[in-house]
Amino acid sequence: MYRILTESKNLDLVKASLAELGFNYTVYRGDGSWKGQEEHSLAIELDNITKKRARKAARLIKRVNRQEKVLLQEIPVKSEFI
């Protein structure tokens, strides 16, 4: 599973962009900080995709939100639909 941590901006456009790429995702809203400045943030989880596709999504979100950086985390997890 991959998680993208980003500032909470342009949420509708971010979700539309992920859907356009064909990703299933979960979005969590929260509070965080970047360089000591508090901000509203998003954690976006993507499962059953390659690292290459996760990096593509992270770059897209970075561009859409005009951010200096977004954080991409790779989390080892085993998923199963029941």
PDB file of N, CA and C in Angstrom:
ATOM      1  N   MET A   1       0.845  -1.163   0.000  1.00  0.00           N
ATOM      2  CA  MET A   1       0.000   0.000   0.000  1.00  0.00           C
ATOM      3  C   MET A   1       0.893   1.228   0.000  1.00  0.00           C
ATOM      4  N   TYR A   2       0.413   2.265  -0.631  1.00  0.00           N
ATOM      5  CA  TYR A   2       1.135   3.535  -0.657  1.00  0.00           C
ATOM      6  C   TYR A   2       0.250   4.609  -0.044  1.00  0.00           C
ATOM      7  N   ARG A   3       0.898   5.536   0.658  1.00  0.00           N
ATOM      8  CA  ARG A   3       0.191   6.672   1.263  1.00  0.00           C
ATOM      9  C   ARG A   3       0.884   7.935   0.791  1.00  0.00           C
ATOM     10  N   ILE A   4       0.069   8.883   0.350  1.00  0.00           N
ATOM     11  CA  ILE A   4       0.567  10.199  -0.035  1.00  0.00           C
ATOM     12  C   ILE A   4       0.084  11.190   1.007  1.00  0.00           C
ATOM     13  N   LEU A   5       1.012  11.931   1.593  1.00  0.00           N
ATOM     14  CA  LEU A   5       0.679  12.974   2.565  1.00  0.00           C
ATOM     15  C   LEU A   5       0.892  14.310   1.884  1.00  0.00           C
ATOM     16  N   THR A   6      -0.144  15.149   1.934  1.00  0.00           N
ATOM     17  CA  THR A   6      -0.135  16.396   1.192  1.00  0.00           C
ATOM     18  C   THR A   6      -0.991  17.440   1.898  1.00  0.00           C
ATOM     19  N   GLU A   7      -0.829  18.664   1.511  1.00  0.00           N
ATOM     20  CA  GLU A   7      -1.664  19.736   2.045  1.00  0.00           C
ATOM     21  C   GLU A   7      -3.089  19.552   1.541  1.00  0.00           C
ATOM     22  N   SER A   8      -4.052  19.897   2.356  1.00  0.00           N
ATOM     23  CA  SER A   8      -5.460  19.770   1.980  1.00  0.00           C
ATOM     24  C   SER A   8      -5.872  20.954   1.103  1.00  0.00           C
ATOM     25  N   LYS A   9      -5.662  20.768  -0.193  1.00  0.00           N
ATOM     26  CA  LYS A   9      -6.018  21.787  -1.183  1.00  0.00           C
ATOM     27  C   LYS A   9      -6.629  21.080  -2.390  1.00  0.00           C
ATOM     28  N   ASN A  10      -7.524  21.763  -3.077  1.00  0.00           N
ATOM     29  CA  ASN A  10      -8.071  21.262  -4.345  1.00  0.00           C
ATOM     30  C   ASN A  10      -8.559  19.818  -4.246  1.00  0.00           C
ATOM     31  N   LEU A  11      -9.268  19.494  -3.175  1.00  0.00           N
ATOM     32  CA  LEU A  11      -9.652  18.108  -2.916  1.00  0.00           C
ATOM     33  C   LEU A  11     -10.461  17.514  -4.064  1.00  0.00           C
ATOM     34  N   ASP A  12     -11.418  18.257  -4.596  1.00  0.00           N
ATOM     35  CA  ASP A  12     -12.226  17.720  -5.692  1.00  0.00           C
ATOM     36  C   ASP A  12     -11.367  17.405  -6.910  1.00  0.00           C
ATOM     37  N   LEU A  13     -10.417  18.281  -7.227  1.00  0.00           N
ATOM     38  CA  LEU A  13      -9.531  18.052  -8.364  1.00  0.00           C
ATOM     39  C   LEU A  13      -8.575  16.883  -8.101  1.00  0.00           C
ATOM     40  N   VAL A  14      -8.079  16.773  -6.883  1.00  0.00           N
ATOM     41  CA  VAL A  14      -7.202  15.658  -6.523  1.00  0.00           C
ATOM     42  C   VAL A  14      -7.956  14.337  -6.696  1.00  0.00           C
ATOM     43  N   LYS A  15      -9.182  14.257  -6.161  1.00  0.00           N
ATOM     44  CA  LYS A  15      -9.960  13.027  -6.275  1.00  0.00           C
ATOM     45  C   LYS A  15     -10.313  12.724  -7.726  1.00  0.00           C
ATOM     46  N   ALA A  16     -10.663  13.741  -8.489  1.00  0.00           N
ATOM     47  CA  ALA A  16     -10.978  13.532  -9.908  1.00  0.00           C
ATOM     48  C   ALA A  16      -9.745  13.023 -10.665  1.00  0.00           C
ATOM     49  N   SER A  17      -8.582  13.549 -10.335  1.00  0.00           N
ATOM     50  CA  SER A  17      -7.342  13.129 -10.992  1.00  0.00           C
ATOM     51  C   SER A  17      -7.019  11.671 -10.667  1.00  0.00           C
ATOM     52  N   LEU A  18      -7.215  11.271  -9.415  1.00  0.00           N
ATOM     53  CA  LEU A  18      -6.973   9.884  -9.025  1.00  0.00           C
ATOM     54  C   LEU A  18      -7.962   8.946  -9.717  1.00  0.00           C
ATOM     55  N   ALA A  19      -9.213   9.364  -9.791  1.00  0.00           N
ATOM     56  CA  ALA A  19     -10.229   8.549 -10.464  1.00  0.00           C
ATOM     57  C   ALA A  19      -9.919   8.424 -11.951  1.00  0.00           C
ATOM     58  N   GLU A  20      -9.445   9.499 -12.552  1.00  0.00           N
ATOM     59  CA  GLU A  20      -9.090   9.480 -13.965  1.00  0.00           C
ATOM     60  C   GLU A  20      -7.949   8.489 -14.242  1.00  0.00           C
ATOM     61  N   LEU A  21      -7.051   8.352 -13.284  1.00  0.00           N
ATOM     62  CA  LEU A  21      -5.958   7.384 -13.410  1.00  0.00           C
ATOM     63  C   LEU A  21      -6.432   5.955 -13.134  1.00  0.00           C
ATOM     64  N   GLY A  22      -7.689   5.814 -12.706  1.00  0.00           N
ATOM     65  CA  GLY A  22      -8.246   4.493 -12.435  1.00  0.00           C
ATOM     66  C   GLY A  22      -7.906   3.940 -11.068  1.00  0.00           C
ATOM     67  N   PHE A  23      -7.505   4.809 -10.139  1.00  0.00           N
ATOM     68  CA  PHE A  23      -7.117   4.364  -8.805  1.00  0.00           C
ATOM     69  C   PHE A  23      -8.314   4.271  -7.877  1.00  0.00           C
ATOM     70  N   ASN A  24      -8.291   3.260  -7.032  1.00  0.00           N
ATOM     71  CA  ASN A  24      -9.171   3.215  -5.869  1.00  0.00           C
ATOM     72  C   ASN A  24      -8.386   3.864  -4.746  1.00  0.00           C
ATOM     73  N   TYR A  25      -9.031   4.662  -3.944  1.00  0.00           N
ATOM     74  CA  TYR A  25      -8.308   5.411  -2.920  1.00  0.00           C
ATOM     75  C   TYR A  25      -9.180   5.651  -1.703  1.00  0.00           C
ATOM     76  N   THR A  26      -8.530   5.976  -0.616  1.00  0.00           N
ATOM     77  CA  THR A  26      -9.192   6.435   0.601  1.00  0.00           C
ATOM     78  C   THR A  26      -8.488   7.713   1.020  1.00  0.00           C
ATOM     79  N   VAL A  27      -9.280   8.726   1.391  1.00  0.00           N
ATOM     80  CA  VAL A  27      -8.728  10.015   1.802  1.00  0.00           C
ATOM     81  C   VAL A  27      -9.087  10.265   3.270  1.00  0.00           C
ATOM     82  N   TYR A  28      -8.083  10.624   4.052  1.00  0.00           N
ATOM     83  CA  TYR A  28      -8.278  11.013   5.456  1.00  0.00           C
ATOM     84  C   TYR A  28      -7.868  12.469   5.591  1.00  0.00           C
ATOM     85  N   ARG A  29      -8.671  13.235   6.285  1.00  0.00           N
ATOM     86  CA  ARG A  29      -8.336  14.640   6.551  1.00  0.00           C
ATOM     87  C   ARG A  29      -7.738  14.756   7.941  1.00  0.00           C
ATOM     88  N   GLY A  30      -6.787  15.653   8.082  1.00  0.00           N
ATOM     89  CA  GLY A  30      -6.153  15.833   9.378  1.00  0.00           C
ATOM     90  C   GLY A  30      -5.441  17.165   9.459  1.00  0.00           C
ATOM     91  N   ASP A  31      -4.667  17.315  10.496  1.00  0.00           N
ATOM     92  CA  ASP A  31      -3.835  18.494  10.688  1.00  0.00           C
ATOM     93  C   ASP A  31      -2.392  18.038  10.739  1.00  0.00           C
ATOM     94  N   GLY A  32      -1.514  18.824  10.154  1.00  0.00           N
ATOM     95  CA  GLY A  32      -0.101  18.494  10.147  1.00  0.00           C
ATOM     96  C   GLY A  32       0.719  19.763  10.127  1.00  0.00           C
ATOM     97  N   SER A  33       1.993  19.618   9.783  1.00  0.00           N
ATOM     98  CA  SER A  33       2.837  20.803   9.651  1.00  0.00           C
ATOM     99  C   SER A  33       3.881  20.543   8.579  1.00  0.00           C
ATOM    100  N   TRP A  34       4.348  21.618   7.991  1.00  0.00           N
ATOM    101  CA  TRP A  34       5.410  21.572   6.986  1.00  0.00           C
ATOM    102  C   TRP A  34       6.337  22.734   7.291  1.00  0.00           C
ATOM    103  N   LYS A  35       7.597  22.411   7.548  1.00  0.00           N
ATOM    104  CA  LYS A  35       8.596  23.421   7.883  1.00  0.00           C
ATOM    105  C   LYS A  35       8.140  24.311   9.038  1.00  0.00           C
ATOM    106  N   GLY A  36       7.520  23.672  10.040  1.00  0.00           N
ATOM    107  CA  GLY A  36       7.114  24.380  11.247  1.00  0.00           C
ATOM    108  C   GLY A  36       5.804  25.128  11.149  1.00  0.00           C
ATOM    109  N   GLN A  37       5.171  25.132   9.985  1.00  0.00           N
ATOM    110  CA  GLN A  37       3.885  25.826   9.802  1.00  0.00           C
ATOM    111  C   GLN A  37       2.755  24.804   9.820  1.00  0.00           C
ATOM    112  N   GLU A  38       1.781  25.026  10.702  1.00  0.00           N
ATOM    113  CA  GLU A  38       0.637  24.121  10.743  1.00  0.00           C
ATOM    114  C   GLU A  38      -0.207  24.297   9.494  1.00  0.00           C
ATOM    115  N   GLU A  39      -0.810  23.172   9.051  1.00  0.00           N
ATOM    116  CA  GLU A  39      -1.683  23.224   7.877  1.00  0.00           C
ATOM    117  C   GLU A  39      -2.670  22.067   7.946  1.00  0.00           C
ATOM    118  N   HIS A  40      -3.771  22.230   7.248  1.00  0.00           N
ATOM    119  CA  HIS A  40      -4.699  21.124   7.071  1.00  0.00           C
ATOM    120  C   HIS A  40      -4.054  20.177   6.067  1.00  0.00           C
ATOM    121  N   SER A  41      -4.219  18.883   6.302  1.00  0.00           N
ATOM    122  CA  SER A  41      -3.524  17.929   5.452  1.00  0.00           C
ATOM    123  C   SER A  41      -4.440  16.782   5.041  1.00  0.00           C
ATOM    124  N   LEU A  42      -3.971  16.038   4.035  1.00  0.00           N
ATOM    125  CA  LEU A  42      -4.659  14.854   3.553  1.00  0.00           C
ATOM    126  C   LEU A  42      -3.695  13.681   3.581  1.00  0.00           C
ATOM    127  N   ALA A  43      -4.213  12.532   3.940  1.00  0.00           N
ATOM    128  CA  ALA A  43      -3.505  11.271   3.773  1.00  0.00           C
ATOM    129  C   ALA A  43      -4.323  10.479   2.762  1.00  0.00           C
ATOM    130  N   ILE A  44      -3.705  10.140   1.653  1.00  0.00           N
ATOM    131  CA  ILE A  44      -4.386   9.431   0.571  1.00  0.00           C
ATOM    132  C   ILE A  44      -3.767   8.048   0.462  1.00  0.00           C
ATOM    133  N   GLU A  45      -4.582   7.022   0.682  1.00  0.00           N
ATOM    134  CA  GLU A  45      -4.081   5.650   0.605  1.00  0.00           C
ATOM    135  C   GLU A  45      -4.478   5.021  -0.715  1.00  0.00           C
ATOM    136  N   LEU A  46      -3.500   4.352  -1.329  1.00  0.00           N
ATOM    137  CA  LEU A  46      -3.680   3.666  -2.608  1.00  0.00           C
ATOM    138  C   LEU A  46      -3.226   2.227  -2.423  1.00  0.00           C
ATOM    139  N   ASP A  47      -4.030   1.281  -2.864  1.00  0.00           N
ATOM    140  CA  ASP A  47      -3.672  -0.122  -2.688  1.00  0.00           C
ATOM    141  C   ASP A  47      -3.723  -0.838  -4.035  1.00  0.00           C
ATOM    142  N   ASN A  48      -2.998  -1.922  -4.115  1.00  0.00           N
ATOM    143  CA  ASN A  48      -2.959  -2.770  -5.305  1.00  0.00           C
ATOM    144  C   ASN A  48      -2.474  -2.032  -6.549  1.00  0.00           C
ATOM    145  N   ILE A  49      -1.450  -1.214  -6.385  1.00  0.00           N
ATOM    146  CA  ILE A  49      -0.808  -0.544  -7.516  1.00  0.00           C
ATOM    147  C   ILE A  49       0.703  -0.686  -7.378  1.00  0.00           C
ATOM    148  N   THR A  50       1.405  -0.416  -8.446  1.00  0.00           N
ATOM    149  CA  THR A  50       2.871  -0.486  -8.421  1.00  0.00           C
ATOM    150  C   THR A  50       3.445   0.809  -7.850  1.00  0.00           C
ATOM    151  N   LYS A  51       4.706   0.728  -7.452  1.00  0.00           N
ATOM    152  CA  LYS A  51       5.389   1.915  -6.948  1.00  0.00           C
ATOM    153  C   LYS A  51       5.457   2.986  -8.033  1.00  0.00           C
ATOM    154  N   LYS A  52       5.655   2.569  -9.270  1.00  0.00           N
ATOM    155  CA  LYS A  52       5.716   3.515 -10.384  1.00  0.00           C
ATOM    156  C   LYS A  52       4.412   4.304 -10.495  1.00  0.00           C
ATOM    157  N   ARG A  53       3.287   3.623 -10.370  1.00  0.00           N
ATOM    158  CA  ARG A  53       1.985   4.314 -10.450  1.00  0.00           C
ATOM    159  C   ARG A  53       1.753   5.209  -9.229  1.00  0.00           C
ATOM    160  N   ALA A  54       2.220   4.775  -8.060  1.00  0.00           N
ATOM    161  CA  ALA A  54       2.086   5.598  -6.855  1.00  0.00           C
ATOM    162  C   ALA A  54       2.906   6.882  -6.994  1.00  0.00           C
ATOM    163  N   ARG A  55       4.109   6.761  -7.544  1.00  0.00           N
ATOM    164  CA  ARG A  55       4.949   7.947  -7.766  1.00  0.00           C
ATOM    165  C   ARG A  55       4.281   8.894  -8.772  1.00  0.00           C
ATOM    166  N   LYS A  56       3.646   8.330  -9.786  1.00  0.00           N
ATOM    167  CA  LYS A  56       2.930   9.154 -10.771  1.00  0.00           C
ATOM    168  C   LYS A  56       1.808   9.934 -10.084  1.00  0.00           C
ATOM    169  N   ALA A  57       1.070   9.271  -9.207  1.00  0.00           N
ATOM    170  CA  ALA A  57      -0.011   9.936  -8.471  1.00  0.00           C
ATOM    171  C   ALA A  57       0.545  11.037  -7.576  1.00  0.00           C
ATOM    172  N   ALA A  58       1.649  10.764  -6.888  1.00  0.00           N
ATOM    173  CA  ALA A  58       2.257  11.768  -6.001  1.00  0.00           C
ATOM    174  C   ALA A  58       2.712  12.992  -6.802  1.00  0.00           C
ATOM    175  N   ARG A  59       3.335  12.763  -7.951  1.00  0.00           N
ATOM    176  CA  ARG A  59       3.770  13.895  -8.790  1.00  0.00           C
ATOM    177  C   ARG A  59       2.576  14.700  -9.291  1.00  0.00           C
ATOM    178  N   LEU A  60       1.505  14.006  -9.638  1.00  0.00           N
ATOM    179  CA  LEU A  60       0.300  14.685 -10.105  1.00  0.00           C
ATOM    180  C   LEU A  60      -0.285  15.577  -9.006  1.00  0.00           C
ATOM    181  N   ILE A  61      -0.384  15.050  -7.802  1.00  0.00           N
ATOM    182  CA  ILE A  61      -0.922  15.826  -6.680  1.00  0.00           C
ATOM    183  C   ILE A  61      -0.008  17.005  -6.368  1.00  0.00           C
ATOM    184  N   LYS A  62       1.278  16.781  -6.409  1.00  0.00           N
ATOM    185  CA  LYS A  62       2.241  17.865  -6.183  1.00  0.00           C
ATOM    186  C   LYS A  62       2.017  18.994  -7.182  1.00  0.00           C
ATOM    187  N   ARG A  63       1.812  18.627  -8.439  1.00  0.00           N
ATOM    188  CA  ARG A  63       1.597  19.631  -9.484  1.00  0.00           C
ATOM    189  C   ARG A  63       0.245  20.335  -9.319  1.00  0.00           C
ATOM    190  N   VAL A  64      -0.812  19.558  -9.083  1.00  0.00           N
ATOM    191  CA  VAL A  64      -2.156  20.124  -8.923  1.00  0.00           C
ATOM    192  C   VAL A  64      -2.192  21.125  -7.775  1.00  0.00           C
ATOM    193  N   ASN A  65      -1.513  20.795  -6.680  1.00  0.00           N
ATOM    194  CA  ASN A  65      -1.533  21.659  -5.496  1.00  0.00           C
ATOM    195  C   ASN A  65      -0.391  22.675  -5.460  1.00  0.00           C
ATOM    196  N   ARG A  66       0.440  22.673  -6.489  1.00  0.00           N
ATOM    197  CA  ARG A  66       1.580  23.601  -6.561  1.00  0.00           C
ATOM    198  C   ARG A  66       2.394  23.576  -5.267  1.00  0.00           C
ATOM    199  N   GLN A  67       2.801  22.361  -4.906  1.00  0.00           N
ATOM    200  CA  GLN A  67       3.548  22.179  -3.667  1.00  0.00           C
ATOM    201  C   GLN A  67       5.020  21.923  -3.954  1.00  0.00           C
ATOM    202  N   GLU A  68       5.837  22.321  -3.000  1.00  0.00           N
ATOM    203  CA  GLU A  68       7.272  22.061  -3.093  1.00  0.00           C
ATOM    204  C   GLU A  68       7.543  20.559  -3.008  1.00  0.00           C
ATOM    205  N   LYS A  69       6.869  19.888  -2.106  1.00  0.00           N
ATOM    206  CA  LYS A  69       7.048  18.450  -1.883  1.00  0.00           C
ATOM    207  C   LYS A  69       5.740  17.834  -1.420  1.00  0.00           C
ATOM    208  N   VAL A  70       5.555  16.560  -1.711  1.00  0.00           N
ATOM    209  CA  VAL A  70       4.554  15.718  -1.057  1.00  0.00           C
ATOM    210  C   VAL A  70       5.302  14.484  -0.571  1.00  0.00           C
ATOM    211  N   LEU A  71       4.770  13.819   0.428  1.00  0.00           N
ATOM    212  CA  LEU A  71       5.435  12.648   0.993  1.00  0.00           C
ATOM    213  C   LEU A  71       4.753  11.391   0.483  1.00  0.00           C
ATOM    214  N   LEU A  72       5.537  10.475  -0.068  1.00  0.00           N
ATOM    215  CA  LEU A  72       5.040   9.178  -0.510  1.00  0.00           C
ATOM    216  C   LEU A  72       5.609   8.118   0.418  1.00  0.00           C
ATOM    217  N   GLN A  73       4.727   7.361   1.057  1.00  0.00           N
ATOM    218  CA  GLN A  73       5.145   6.295   1.953  1.00  0.00           C
ATOM    219  C   GLN A  73       4.771   4.946   1.344  1.00  0.00           C
ATOM    220  N   GLU A  74       5.674   3.988   1.468  1.00  0.00           N
ATOM    221  CA  GLU A  74       5.400   2.614   1.060  1.00  0.00           C
ATOM    222  C   GLU A  74       5.214   1.799   2.336  1.00  0.00           C
ATOM    223  N   ILE A  75       4.051   1.199   2.468  1.00  0.00           N
ATOM    224  CA  ILE A  75       3.708   0.493   3.695  1.00  0.00           C
ATOM    225  C   ILE A  75       3.428  -0.968   3.356  1.00  0.00           C
ATOM    226  N   PRO A  76       4.228  -1.883   3.896  1.00  0.00           N
ATOM    227  CA  PRO A  76       3.981  -3.291   3.593  1.00  0.00           C
ATOM    228  C   PRO A  76       2.668  -3.758   4.252  1.00  0.00           C
ATOM    229  N   VAL A  77       1.765  -4.203   3.443  1.00  0.00           N
ATOM    230  CA  VAL A  77       0.465  -4.645   3.938  1.00  0.00           C
ATOM    231  C   VAL A  77      -0.066  -5.704   2.980  1.00  0.00           C
ATOM    232  N   LYS A  78      -0.829  -6.612   3.494  1.00  0.00           N
ATOM    233  CA  LYS A  78      -1.468  -7.619   2.656  1.00  0.00           C
ATOM    234  C   LYS A  78      -2.962  -7.371   2.708  1.00  0.00           C
ATOM    235  N   SER A  79      -3.562  -7.107   1.556  1.00  0.00           N
ATOM    236  CA  SER A  79      -4.976  -6.788   1.487  1.00  0.00           C
ATOM    237  C   SER A  79      -5.755  -7.953   0.902  1.00  0.00           C
ATOM    238  N   GLU A  80      -6.996  -8.090   1.376  1.00  0.00           N
ATOM    239  CA  GLU A  80      -7.861  -9.141   0.878  1.00  0.00           C
ATOM    240  C   GLU A  80      -9.301  -8.625   0.889  1.00  0.00           C
ATOM    241  N   PHE A  81      -9.960  -8.707  -0.258  1.00  0.00           N
ATOM    242  CA  PHE A  81     -11.384  -8.355  -0.304  1.00  0.00           C
ATOM    243  C   PHE A  81     -12.198  -9.538   0.201  1.00  0.00           C
ATOM    244  N   ILE A  82     -13.121  -9.286   1.082  1.00  0.00           N
ATOM    245  CA  ILE A  82     -13.975 -10.331   1.652  1.00  0.00           C
ATOM    246  C   ILE A  82     -15.399 -10.121   1.172  1.00  0.00           C
TER     247      ILE A  82
END
